[in-house]
Amino acid sequence: MSSDEQFQSFIDRLSEARVYRDQGLDENAITDIFGRILADIDGCGLSGLQKEELRLMVKSESRGLAGGSNRSAEPQRVLGEPSQHFEYGLALMDGQFWEEAINEFAAAADQGYEKLKSREYCGDCAARMGNWGEAIRFYNLVYSDHKVPEEHRKQVLLKINKCSQTQKKVAIESVINARNGGTAGAEQANTGSEIVTSSISTLDGYSVNLIIGKMVKSWVPPGDARQGRVLHEYRIQNLLHVGSSSLIVELEQQGTGKKFAGQILTGMFGEHLSAEALADWVREQAATSSNLARIYDLAHSEGHFFLVREYFPISLYDVLEKGEVMPIPLAIRIAHQVLEALGDLHLHMGLDGKPGNIFHLDLRPSRVFLRTDQPSCKVTNGGLWRRLELAAPEQTCAAHLPLHYLPYRAPEQFRPYLARKRPPFFTDIYLFGTLFYEMLTGVPAFKASSYEEYEIQHCEQYPSPPRVWRAEIPSMINDMIMQCLESNPTKRYRSTTQMSLLIEKAFSEAIGRPKDNSYVDFLAKLKLI
């Protein structure tokens, strides 16, 4: 059975259940029918997006079976055609009955009436209720539909970004509020708890609330002559950031008062990288250039390890999630600095005078840190992914990665045979292309809802050229990005140095010392400073 036939079979089952419900079949029996449908949806072979749409339909049809909410103050419901569900939903929105409006719009969409508009209204209502995750799911149903005009997709993407940003902010504020023992924002804490829990679950109960104020000290490998000596000691001052693979805290070095960022690796990094591997990576990074974020120390406390590094207030992710395209000169300047950082990695010479063969392989917006006083950036985690690949080869293959990693993966990371035995710096060039594309257009070069879709897009398709989104992008930059995104590594640039020189020759003014406050003004517009 094809996916379309399987999807239609669930629609038919829902229609049959709706008939039973309307004919007054026993409520427990109806609940059981909907439960079996949900169980079958979870176990079927449909895509994640199709499953989510079916779950929403079931939720809509089964809402109110086990005791409905009191609607005595609602507008009088109009029963009948799907158009009436839609109109009644609008009336409920006017009265700020958000949850009930979602029910009506979902019913209209299930019957094919104003489907995309109904889904978007569902997202609007969920957002007004503070249910950011549910709002994002509704908006994604609209955004992923190929029938939606590009201009409208941009508007929906802005809504997704706004919800994601608010969800993240609420999550962090709720953790800080809990640490301070306050009660303000308790409702927000419930809304954002899911993202925090998923981000710090690998800390094995090592509560963020408990680590504030703790002392951590430099880690010394077993057998090292320095064993028993405290090299450096730091106090954990505050929580700075919660991400999908890291938790960042503020560290204050005892004796000097110097401030650092302490990065606790979570998820795969935290589970599979040993203290010895991390310490070796820290030593390697100590010899790299100023274009890379400086790593000063590896500290530990009660079995948890902190990469002690210089602190940057924001990342490229924070900028891109605002949904505002970067000024072209700024994007070119940041891109040039990223290329310089990648070049430093690729050409790195170890302490033994031999090439270090360091490649990034995990270049994403969250790996690029930005200053807020001037347009300057540094790249972090260079070479860490290769260590993780060696420690956990199965978990690091693209098929097992979270979806948000996949827009920033190269074809050969999906299908290794495509590498054609080329050095991994070709992979870094591709990843750079995905970053530069998004900086200039405000949208990812690749957007999908499943691993399979991402694999096909990266390996067999080309993204729309950046100038399709933004006509004023220089043709030379447009062509550079498209060459970076060639699925065949041999067709990409030969080195990051080659690309840096091309940008320096054509855009010397953009990469030179800034002559105005346009960067600071841009960050202020995004409310990042």
Protein backbone atom coordinates (compact mmCIF):
# COMPACT_ATOMS: atom_id res chain seq x y z
CA MET A 1 0.00 0.00 0.00
CA SER A 2 1.41 3.40 -0.99
CA SER A 3 1.72 6.20 1.56
CA ASP A 4 -1.16 8.08 -0.07
CA GLU A 5 -3.38 5.00 0.15
CA GLN A 6 -2.36 4.39 3.75
CA PHE A 7 -3.06 8.02 4.65
CA GLN A 8 -6.48 7.81 2.98
CA SER A 9 -7.28 4.62 4.86
CA PHE A 10 -6.89 6.49 8.15
CA ILE A 11 -9.12 9.29 6.83
CA ASP A 12 -11.76 6.68 6.00
CA ARG A 13 -11.51 5.16 9.48
CA LEU A 14 -11.92 8.59 11.04
CA SER A 15 -14.99 9.26 8.90
CA GLU A 16 -16.49 5.95 10.03
CA ALA A 17 -15.75 6.78 13.69
CA ARG A 18 -17.36 10.19 13.21
CA VAL A 19 -20.55 8.51 11.94
CA TYR A 20 -20.64 6.21 14.99
CA ARG A 21 -20.14 9.19 17.28
CA ASP A 22 -22.88 11.25 15.65
CA GLN A 23 -25.28 8.29 15.80
CA GLY A 24 -24.87 8.17 19.59
CA LEU A 25 -22.71 5.06 19.96
CA ASP A 26 -21.56 4.42 23.56
CA GLU A 27 -18.91 6.98 24.49
CA ASN A 28 -16.49 4.36 25.86
CA ALA A 29 -16.71 2.43 22.60
CA ILE A 30 -16.01 5.57 20.58
CA THR A 31 -13.03 6.41 22.81
CA ASP A 32 -11.70 2.90 22.22
CA ILE A 33 -12.03 3.31 18.44
CA PHE A 34 -10.09 6.57 18.47
CA GLY A 35 -7.47 4.98 20.71
CA ARG A 36 -6.93 2.10 18.28
CA ILE A 37 -6.61 4.57 15.40
CA LEU A 38 -3.94 6.54 17.31
CA ALA A 39 -2.03 3.35 18.11
CA ASP A 40 -2.08 2.31 14.45
CA ILE A 41 -0.89 5.77 13.38
CA ASP A 42 2.11 5.50 15.71
CA GLY A 43 3.05 2.12 14.27
CA CYS A 44 2.54 2.86 10.57
CA GLY A 45 5.18 3.74 8.00
CA LEU A 46 3.96 7.24 7.14
CA SER A 47 6.22 10.28 7.42
CA GLY A 48 6.37 12.24 10.65
CA LEU A 49 4.45 15.12 9.09
CA GLN A 50 1.62 12.85 7.90
CA LYS A 51 1.43 11.18 11.31
CA GLU A 52 1.24 14.55 13.04
CA GLU A 53 -1.58 15.69 10.76
CA LEU A 54 -3.52 12.48 11.45
CA ARG A 55 -3.01 12.83 15.22
CA LEU A 56 -4.41 16.35 15.06
CA MET A 57 -7.46 15.05 13.21
CA VAL A 58 -8.04 12.36 15.84
CA LYS A 59 -7.61 14.92 18.61
CA SER A 60 -10.15 17.18 16.94
CA GLU A 61 -12.72 14.42 16.49
CA SER A 62 -12.31 12.96 19.99
CA ARG A 63 -12.21 16.26 21.89
CA GLY A 64 -14.88 16.48 24.54
CA LEU A 65 -15.75 12.76 24.70
CA ALA A 66 -14.59 12.37 28.30
CA GLY A 67 -16.34 15.39 29.74
CA GLY A 68 -16.14 18.60 27.80
CA SER A 69 -15.35 22.08 29.04
CA ASN A 70 -18.07 24.49 30.07
CA ARG A 71 -19.00 26.56 27.05
CA SER A 72 -21.91 28.47 28.50
CA ALA A 73 -20.22 31.77 27.70
CA GLU A 74 -19.31 30.87 24.11
CA PRO A 75 -21.10 32.14 21.02
CA GLN A 76 -23.92 29.86 19.93
CA ARG A 77 -22.39 27.05 17.90
CA VAL A 78 -23.48 26.64 14.29
CA LEU A 79 -23.64 22.99 13.23
CA GLY A 80 -23.40 21.65 9.72
CA GLU A 81 -21.04 22.14 6.80
CA PRO A 82 -17.24 22.58 7.20
CA SER A 83 -17.62 26.22 6.19
CA GLN A 84 -19.76 26.67 9.27
CA HIS A 85 -17.03 25.17 11.45
CA PHE A 86 -14.65 27.71 9.95
CA GLU A 87 -16.96 30.69 10.52
CA TYR A 88 -17.72 29.54 14.05
CA GLY A 89 -13.96 29.30 14.68
CA LEU A 90 -13.58 32.95 13.64
CA ALA A 91 -16.35 33.92 16.04
CA LEU A 92 -14.63 32.01 18.84
CA MET A 93 -11.36 33.79 18.08
CA ASP A 94 -13.13 37.13 18.38
CA GLY A 95 -14.33 36.04 21.81
CA GLN A 96 -10.83 34.76 22.74
CA PHE A 97 -12.03 31.16 23.17
CA TRP A 98 -8.72 29.90 21.80
CA GLU A 99 -8.93 26.18 22.58
CA GLU A 100 -12.49 25.90 21.28
CA ALA A 101 -11.53 27.81 18.13
CA ILE A 102 -8.75 25.29 17.47
CA ASN A 103 -11.35 22.53 17.65
CA GLU A 104 -13.53 24.21 15.03
CA PHE A 105 -10.70 25.11 12.64
CA ALA A 106 -9.33 21.58 12.91
CA ALA A 107 -12.78 20.20 12.04
CA ALA A 108 -12.95 22.46 8.99
CA ALA A 109 -9.43 21.47 7.89
CA ASP A 110 -10.16 17.77 8.35
CA GLN A 111 -13.00 18.11 5.85
CA GLY A 112 -10.79 19.98 3.38
CA TYR A 113 -12.27 23.45 3.85
CA GLU A 114 -9.71 26.31 3.86
CA LYS A 115 -7.25 23.71 5.08
CA LEU A 116 -4.07 25.79 5.17
CA LYS A 117 -5.77 28.88 6.54
CA SER A 118 -7.50 26.78 9.22
CA ARG A 119 -4.18 25.21 10.25
CA GLU A 120 -2.57 28.62 10.50
CA TYR A 121 -5.44 29.92 12.63
CA CYS A 122 -4.96 26.88 14.87
CA GLY A 123 -1.34 27.94 15.29
CA ASP A 124 -2.37 31.53 16.03
CA CYS A 125 -4.77 30.35 18.73
CA ALA A 126 -2.19 27.99 20.28
CA ALA A 127 0.34 30.83 20.36
CA ARG A 128 -2.16 33.10 22.11
CA MET A 129 -2.56 30.36 24.74
CA GLY A 130 1.22 30.12 25.20
CA ASN A 131 1.31 26.57 23.81
CA TRP A 132 4.41 27.29 21.72
CA GLY A 133 5.16 23.69 20.78
CA GLU A 134 1.61 23.09 19.54
CA ALA A 135 1.68 26.38 17.63
CA ILE A 136 4.93 25.39 15.92
CA ARG A 137 3.42 22.04 14.90
CA PHE A 138 0.43 23.75 13.27
CA TYR A 139 2.63 26.32 11.52
CA ASN A 140 4.94 23.56 10.24
CA LEU A 141 1.97 21.88 8.56
CA VAL A 142 1.41 25.09 6.63
CA TYR A 143 5.07 25.87 5.96
CA SER A 144 5.83 22.39 4.58
CA ASP A 145 2.95 22.45 2.09
CA HIS A 146 4.32 23.08 -1.42
CA LYS A 147 1.11 24.87 -2.42
CA VAL A 148 1.82 27.79 -0.10
CA PRO A 149 3.27 30.81 -1.99
CA GLU A 150 6.85 31.65 -1.05
CA GLU A 151 5.97 35.06 0.35
CA HIS A 152 3.40 33.53 2.67
CA ARG A 153 5.83 30.78 3.67
CA LYS A 154 8.21 33.52 4.81
CA GLN A 155 5.47 34.98 7.01
CA VAL A 156 4.73 31.57 8.50
CA LEU A 157 8.45 30.99 9.08
CA LEU A 158 8.59 34.24 11.04
CA LYS A 159 5.78 32.94 13.25
CA ILE A 160 7.66 29.66 13.78
CA ASN A 161 10.82 31.54 14.69
CA LYS A 162 8.96 33.81 17.10
CA CYS A 163 7.35 30.84 18.86
CA SER A 164 10.68 28.99 19.02
CA GLN A 165 12.44 32.04 20.41
CA THR A 166 9.74 32.63 23.04
CA GLN A 167 9.70 28.95 24.01
CA LYS A 168 13.45 29.01 24.53
CA LYS A 169 13.33 32.26 26.52
CA VAL A 170 10.55 30.98 28.77
CA ALA A 171 12.46 27.75 29.37
CA ILE A 172 15.61 29.51 30.51
CA GLU A 173 13.71 32.05 32.61
CA SER A 174 11.79 29.27 34.35
CA VAL A 175 15.02 27.51 35.34
CA ILE A 176 16.60 30.73 36.63
CA ASN A 177 13.39 31.61 38.48
CA ALA A 178 13.36 28.18 40.12
CA ARG A 179 16.97 28.66 41.18
CA ASN A 180 16.16 32.01 42.76
CA GLY A 181 13.25 30.50 44.65
CA GLY A 182 10.76 32.90 43.08
CA THR A 183 7.20 32.18 42.07
CA ALA A 184 6.76 34.73 39.30
CA GLY A 185 6.34 33.16 35.93
CA ALA A 186 5.12 29.81 37.21
CA GLU A 187 2.75 29.50 34.28
CA GLN A 188 5.63 30.13 31.91
CA ALA A 189 7.68 27.44 33.64
CA ASN A 190 5.06 24.85 32.76
CA THR A 191 4.99 26.00 29.15
CA GLY A 192 8.75 25.82 28.65
CA SER A 193 9.69 22.87 30.82
CA GLU A 194 9.78 20.37 27.97
CA ILE A 195 12.63 22.07 26.14
CA VAL A 196 14.72 22.43 29.30
CA THR A 197 14.15 18.82 30.32
CA SER A 198 15.17 17.52 26.93
CA SER A 199 18.25 19.73 26.88
CA ILE A 200 19.66 18.75 30.26
CA SER A 201 18.35 15.20 30.60
CA THR A 202 21.85 13.75 30.14
CA LEU A 203 23.00 15.48 33.32
CA ASP A 204 21.44 12.49 35.16
CA GLY A 205 19.50 14.55 37.64
CA TYR A 206 22.34 17.00 38.17
CA SER A 207 19.91 19.85 38.59
CA VAL A 208 20.78 23.27 37.21
CA ASN A 209 19.32 24.64 40.41
CA LEU A 210 21.90 22.71 42.43
CA ILE A 211 25.04 23.53 40.46
CA ILE A 212 24.78 27.30 40.85
CA GLY A 213 27.32 28.34 43.46
CA LYS A 214 29.28 25.08 43.19
CA MET A 215 33.07 25.05 42.87
CA VAL A 216 34.72 23.23 39.97
CA LYS A 217 38.43 22.65 39.50
CA SER A 218 40.84 21.77 36.72
CA TRP A 219 40.81 18.09 35.77
CA VAL A 220 44.14 16.25 35.85
CA PRO A 221 44.45 12.86 34.09
CA PRO A 222 45.22 9.82 36.26
CA GLY A 223 48.96 9.25 36.54
CA ASP A 224 49.78 12.88 35.73
CA ALA A 225 52.51 14.38 37.90
CA ARG A 226 50.15 17.19 38.80
CA GLN A 227 47.71 14.81 40.52
CA GLY A 228 46.68 16.11 43.92
CA ARG A 229 47.28 19.76 43.03
CA VAL A 230 44.48 22.25 42.35
CA LEU A 231 45.54 24.10 39.21
CA HIS A 232 42.53 26.38 38.78
CA GLU A 233 39.27 26.66 40.65
CA TYR A 234 36.04 28.27 39.43
CA ARG A 235 32.71 29.16 40.98
CA ILE A 236 29.54 28.63 38.93
CA GLN A 237 27.85 32.04 38.97
CA ASN A 238 24.84 31.76 36.69
CA LEU A 239 23.06 29.91 33.90
CA LEU A 240 23.75 31.53 30.53
CA HIS A 241 22.23 29.27 27.91
CA VAL A 242 20.41 25.96 27.43
CA GLY A 243 20.93 24.32 24.05
CA SER A 244 20.29 20.93 22.48
CA SER A 245 23.89 19.72 22.92
CA SER A 246 25.33 22.07 25.56
CA LEU A 247 24.47 23.87 28.75
CA ILE A 248 26.47 27.07 29.31
CA VAL A 249 27.16 28.55 32.73
CA GLU A 250 29.13 31.57 33.86
CA LEU A 251 32.36 30.70 35.70
CA GLU A 252 34.43 33.00 37.90
CA GLN A 253 38.05 32.01 38.41
CA GLN A 254 39.00 32.08 42.07
CA GLY A 255 41.86 34.39 42.91
CA THR A 256 41.68 36.43 39.71
CA GLY A 257 37.96 37.12 39.36
CA LYS A 258 38.19 36.50 35.60
CA LYS A 259 34.94 35.45 33.91
CA PHE A 260 34.65 32.50 31.57
CA ALA A 261 31.93 30.42 29.97
CA GLY A 262 31.67 26.84 31.17
CA GLN A 263 30.27 24.52 28.53
CA ILE A 264 28.75 21.25 29.80
CA LEU A 265 28.35 18.86 26.89
CA THR A 266 24.99 17.08 26.87
CA GLY A 267 23.29 14.61 24.54
CA MET A 268 25.69 12.49 22.47
CA PHE A 269 28.72 14.61 23.36
CA GLY A 270 28.18 14.18 27.08
CA GLU A 271 27.42 10.46 26.84
CA HIS A 272 30.25 9.29 24.60
CA LEU A 273 33.27 11.60 25.00
CA SER A 274 35.55 10.55 27.86
CA ALA A 275 37.42 12.98 30.08
CA GLU A 276 40.67 11.91 28.39
CA ALA A 277 39.25 12.67 24.93
CA LEU A 278 38.03 16.08 26.09
CA ALA A 279 41.37 16.91 27.73
CA ASP A 280 43.22 15.92 24.56
CA TRP A 281 40.91 18.14 22.51
CA VAL A 282 41.46 21.08 24.91
CA ARG A 283 45.25 20.71 24.48
CA GLU A 284 44.80 20.62 20.72
CA GLN A 285 42.66 23.77 20.74
CA ALA A 286 45.16 25.65 22.89
CA ALA A 287 47.52 25.80 19.90
CA THR A 288 44.97 27.15 17.41
CA SER A 289 44.65 30.73 16.18
CA SER A 290 42.56 33.68 17.33
CA ASN A 291 39.86 32.98 14.72
CA LEU A 292 38.68 30.07 16.87
CA ALA A 293 37.04 30.38 20.27
CA ARG A 294 39.76 29.96 22.91
CA ILE A 295 39.48 26.93 25.18
CA TYR A 296 41.48 27.49 28.37
CA ASP A 297 40.84 24.53 30.63
CA LEU A 298 38.86 21.38 31.37
CA ALA A 299 37.24 21.55 34.79
CA HIS A 300 35.10 19.03 36.64
CA SER A 301 32.81 18.58 39.61
CA GLU A 302 31.11 15.38 40.75
CA GLY A 303 31.69 13.60 37.45
CA HIS A 304 30.57 16.46 35.21
CA PHE A 305 33.04 18.21 32.93
CA PHE A 306 33.17 21.87 31.92
CA LEU A 307 35.01 23.20 28.88
CA VAL A 308 36.32 26.54 30.16
CA ARG A 309 36.30 28.98 27.23
CA GLU A 310 36.00 32.63 26.42
CA TYR A 311 32.47 33.94 26.62
CA PHE A 312 30.43 35.41 23.79
CA PRO A 313 26.95 36.83 24.47
CA ILE A 314 25.23 35.57 21.30
CA SER A 315 25.63 33.10 18.47
CA LEU A 316 24.73 33.17 14.80
CA TYR A 317 21.74 30.99 15.73
CA ASP A 318 20.37 33.80 17.94
CA VAL A 319 20.53 36.17 14.96
CA LEU A 320 19.06 33.81 12.37
CA GLU A 321 16.15 32.67 14.54
CA LYS A 322 14.83 36.24 14.54
CA GLY A 323 13.77 35.74 10.92
CA GLU A 324 15.40 39.00 9.80
CA VAL A 325 17.84 38.81 6.87
CA MET A 326 21.30 40.16 7.57
CA PRO A 327 22.59 43.20 5.68
CA ILE A 328 24.63 41.85 2.77
CA PRO A 329 27.94 43.52 3.77
CA LEU A 330 27.57 42.13 7.30
CA ALA A 331 26.83 38.62 6.03
CA ILE A 332 29.90 38.77 3.78
CA ARG A 333 32.09 39.96 6.66
CA ILE A 334 30.94 37.21 9.03
CA ALA A 335 31.23 34.59 6.27
CA HIS A 336 34.82 35.69 5.56
CA GLN A 337 35.72 35.29 9.23
CA VAL A 338 34.17 31.82 9.32
CA LEU A 339 36.26 30.88 6.28
CA GLU A 340 39.38 32.16 8.03
CA ALA A 341 38.56 30.05 11.09
CA LEU A 342 38.02 26.93 8.95
CA GLY A 343 41.31 27.64 7.18
CA ASP A 344 43.09 27.80 10.54
CA LEU A 345 41.64 24.40 11.43
CA HIS A 346 42.57 22.79 8.12
CA LEU A 347 46.13 24.17 8.14
CA HIS A 348 46.73 23.67 11.85
CA MET A 349 50.19 22.40 12.79
CA GLY A 350 50.49 20.33 15.95
CA LEU A 351 53.10 20.88 18.64
CA ASP A 352 55.16 18.20 16.91
CA GLY A 353 55.31 20.30 13.75
CA LYS A 354 53.07 17.95 11.79
CA PRO A 355 49.69 18.80 10.19
CA GLY A 356 46.90 18.43 12.71
CA ASN A 357 44.30 17.32 10.15
CA ILE A 358 41.52 19.04 12.05
CA PHE A 359 38.14 19.40 10.38
CA HIS A 360 34.95 20.82 11.80
CA LEU A 361 32.27 18.51 10.30
CA ASP A 362 29.54 19.97 12.56
CA LEU A 363 29.39 23.60 11.45
CA ARG A 364 25.99 25.02 12.37
CA PRO A 365 24.74 28.49 13.40
CA SER A 366 25.13 27.61 17.08
CA ARG A 367 28.84 26.92 16.46
CA VAL A 368 29.54 30.53 15.44
CA PHE A 369 29.84 33.01 18.32
CA LEU A 370 29.39 36.76 17.86
CA ARG A 371 30.48 39.82 19.77
CA THR A 372 27.87 42.51 20.33
CA ASP A 373 30.13 45.59 20.15
CA GLN A 374 31.62 44.90 16.72
CA PRO A 375 30.99 42.53 13.78
CA SER A 376 33.45 39.88 14.86
CA CYS A 377 32.90 36.14 15.23
CA LYS A 378 34.72 33.01 16.30
CA VAL A 379 34.04 29.36 15.54
CA THR A 380 33.90 26.68 18.23
CA ASN A 381 33.87 22.87 18.49
CA GLY A 382 36.29 22.46 15.60
CA GLY A 383 37.54 18.87 15.56
CA LEU A 384 35.18 17.72 18.31
CA TRP A 385 32.83 15.92 15.93
CA ARG A 386 35.58 13.67 14.59
CA ARG A 387 36.36 12.57 18.15
CA LEU A 388 32.69 11.86 18.69
CA GLU A 389 32.53 9.85 15.45
CA LEU A 390 35.39 7.65 16.69
CA ALA A 391 33.76 7.20 20.09
CA ALA A 392 30.20 6.60 18.85
CA PRO A 393 30.16 5.76 15.12
CA GLU A 394 26.59 4.47 15.07
CA GLN A 395 25.05 7.40 16.97
CA THR A 396 26.80 10.00 14.77
CA CYS A 397 25.60 8.71 11.42
CA ALA A 398 23.12 11.11 9.84
CA ALA A 399 20.20 8.68 10.12
CA HIS A 400 20.39 8.82 13.92
CA LEU A 401 20.79 12.58 14.33
CA PRO A 402 18.05 14.98 15.48
CA LEU A 403 16.29 16.69 12.57
CA HIS A 404 17.65 20.13 13.46
CA TYR A 405 21.19 18.91 12.65
CA LEU A 406 20.28 17.81 9.13
CA PRO A 407 19.99 21.16 7.29
CA TYR A 408 23.72 21.50 8.04
CA ARG A 409 25.01 18.18 6.82
CA ALA A 410 26.84 17.40 3.56
CA PRO A 411 25.75 14.74 1.04
CA GLU A 412 28.71 12.52 1.97
CA GLN A 413 27.55 12.57 5.60
CA PHE A 414 24.31 10.96 4.41
CA ARG A 415 25.94 8.68 1.83
CA PRO A 416 29.64 8.17 2.66
CA TYR A 417 30.46 6.76 -0.77
CA LEU A 418 29.87 10.23 -2.24
CA ALA A 419 33.04 11.47 -0.52
CA ARG A 420 35.06 9.81 -3.29
CA LYS A 421 38.01 9.56 -0.86
CA ARG A 422 38.30 13.33 -0.78
CA PRO A 423 39.67 15.05 2.35
CA PRO A 424 37.01 16.17 4.84
CA PHE A 425 37.71 19.86 4.21
CA PHE A 426 35.37 19.49 1.22
CA THR A 427 32.66 18.66 3.76
CA ASP A 428 33.42 21.83 5.74
CA ILE A 429 33.12 23.87 2.54
CA TYR A 430 29.64 22.45 1.95
CA LEU A 431 28.60 23.20 5.55
CA PHE A 432 29.92 26.73 5.16
CA GLY A 433 27.69 27.08 2.08
CA THR A 434 24.59 26.17 4.11
CA LEU A 435 25.49 28.85 6.69
CA PHE A 436 26.24 31.58 4.16
CA TYR A 437 23.00 30.77 2.29
CA GLU A 438 20.90 31.21 5.43
CA MET A 439 22.68 34.39 6.51
CA LEU A 440 21.82 36.05 3.20
CA THR A 441 18.30 34.71 2.63
CA GLY A 442 16.93 34.22 6.14
CA VAL A 443 15.83 30.66 5.28
CA PRO A 444 17.74 27.35 5.38
CA ALA A 445 19.02 26.04 2.07
CA PHE A 446 17.29 22.75 2.88
CA LYS A 447 14.04 22.31 4.79
CA ALA A 448 12.33 18.95 5.33
CA SER A 449 10.30 17.00 7.88
CA SER A 450 12.15 13.67 7.87
CA TYR A 451 15.60 12.16 7.47
CA GLU A 452 14.62 10.66 4.12
CA GLU A 453 13.56 14.04 2.73
CA TYR A 454 16.79 15.68 3.88
CA GLU A 455 18.87 12.91 2.32
CA ILE A 456 17.18 13.36 -1.06
CA GLN A 457 17.44 17.15 -0.92
CA HIS A 458 21.16 17.16 -0.07
CA CYS A 459 22.21 14.28 -2.31
CA GLU A 460 19.98 14.60 -5.36
CA GLN A 461 18.61 18.15 -5.52
CA TYR A 462 19.84 21.72 -5.55
CA PRO A 463 18.39 24.50 -3.42
CA SER A 464 16.95 27.57 -5.07
CA PRO A 465 19.81 30.00 -5.76
CA PRO A 466 20.05 32.69 -3.04
CA ARG A 467 19.17 35.42 -5.55
CA VAL A 468 15.73 33.85 -5.97
CA TRP A 469 15.04 34.96 -2.40
CA ARG A 470 16.97 38.21 -2.53
CA ALA A 471 17.73 39.74 -5.91
CA GLU A 472 20.33 42.22 -4.61
CA ILE A 473 22.76 39.46 -3.59
CA PRO A 474 25.92 39.90 -5.74
CA SER A 475 26.11 37.33 -8.50
CA MET A 476 29.64 36.34 -7.46
CA ILE A 477 28.42 35.48 -3.94
CA ASN A 478 25.37 33.66 -5.36
CA ASP A 479 27.62 31.52 -7.55
CA MET A 480 30.08 30.87 -4.72
CA ILE A 481 27.35 29.51 -2.47
CA MET A 482 25.94 27.27 -5.20
CA GLN A 483 29.41 25.85 -5.90
CA CYS A 484 29.86 25.16 -2.18
CA LEU A 485 26.57 23.22 -2.25
CA GLU A 486 27.56 20.90 -5.10
CA SER A 487 26.65 17.33 -4.12
CA ASN A 488 29.84 16.11 -5.81
CA PRO A 489 32.78 17.17 -3.58
CA THR A 490 35.12 17.42 -6.58
CA LYS A 491 33.02 20.28 -7.97
CA ARG A 492 33.38 22.41 -4.83
CA TYR A 493 36.20 24.83 -4.11
CA ARG A 494 39.65 23.38 -3.50
CA SER A 495 40.19 25.14 -0.17
CA THR A 496 38.73 27.74 2.19
CA THR A 497 41.80 29.88 1.49
CA GLN A 498 40.83 30.06 -2.17
CA MET A 499 37.38 31.31 -1.20
CA SER A 500 38.76 33.83 1.33
CA LEU A 501 40.99 35.37 -1.32
CA LEU A 502 38.07 35.68 -3.76
CA ILE A 503 36.00 37.53 -1.16
CA GLU A 504 38.93 39.77 -0.16
CA LYS A 505 39.50 40.74 -3.78
CA ALA A 506 35.85 41.53 -4.58
CA PHE A 507 34.57 42.87 -1.23
CA SER A 508 37.52 44.45 0.56
CA GLU A 509 35.33 47.23 1.95
CA ALA A 510 32.82 44.81 3.48
CA ILE A 511 35.48 42.80 5.32
CA GLY A 512 37.50 45.83 6.43
CA ARG A 513 37.23 47.68 9.70
CA PRO A 514 33.63 48.88 10.21
CA LYS A 515 33.15 52.60 9.73
CA ASP A 516 29.76 53.02 11.38
CA ASN A 517 27.43 51.54 13.99
CA SER A 518 25.28 49.58 11.53
CA TYR A 519 26.13 46.26 13.20
CA VAL A 520 25.14 47.44 16.67
CA ASP A 521 22.01 49.04 15.20
CA PHE A 522 21.12 45.73 13.53
CA LEU A 523 21.47 43.79 16.80
CA ALA A 524 19.43 46.44 18.60
CA LYS A 525 16.71 46.06 15.98
CA LEU A 526 16.67 42.32 16.72
CA LYS A 527 16.57 43.10 20.47
CA LEU A 528 19.77 41.12 21.05
CA ILE A 529 21.42 43.97 22.94
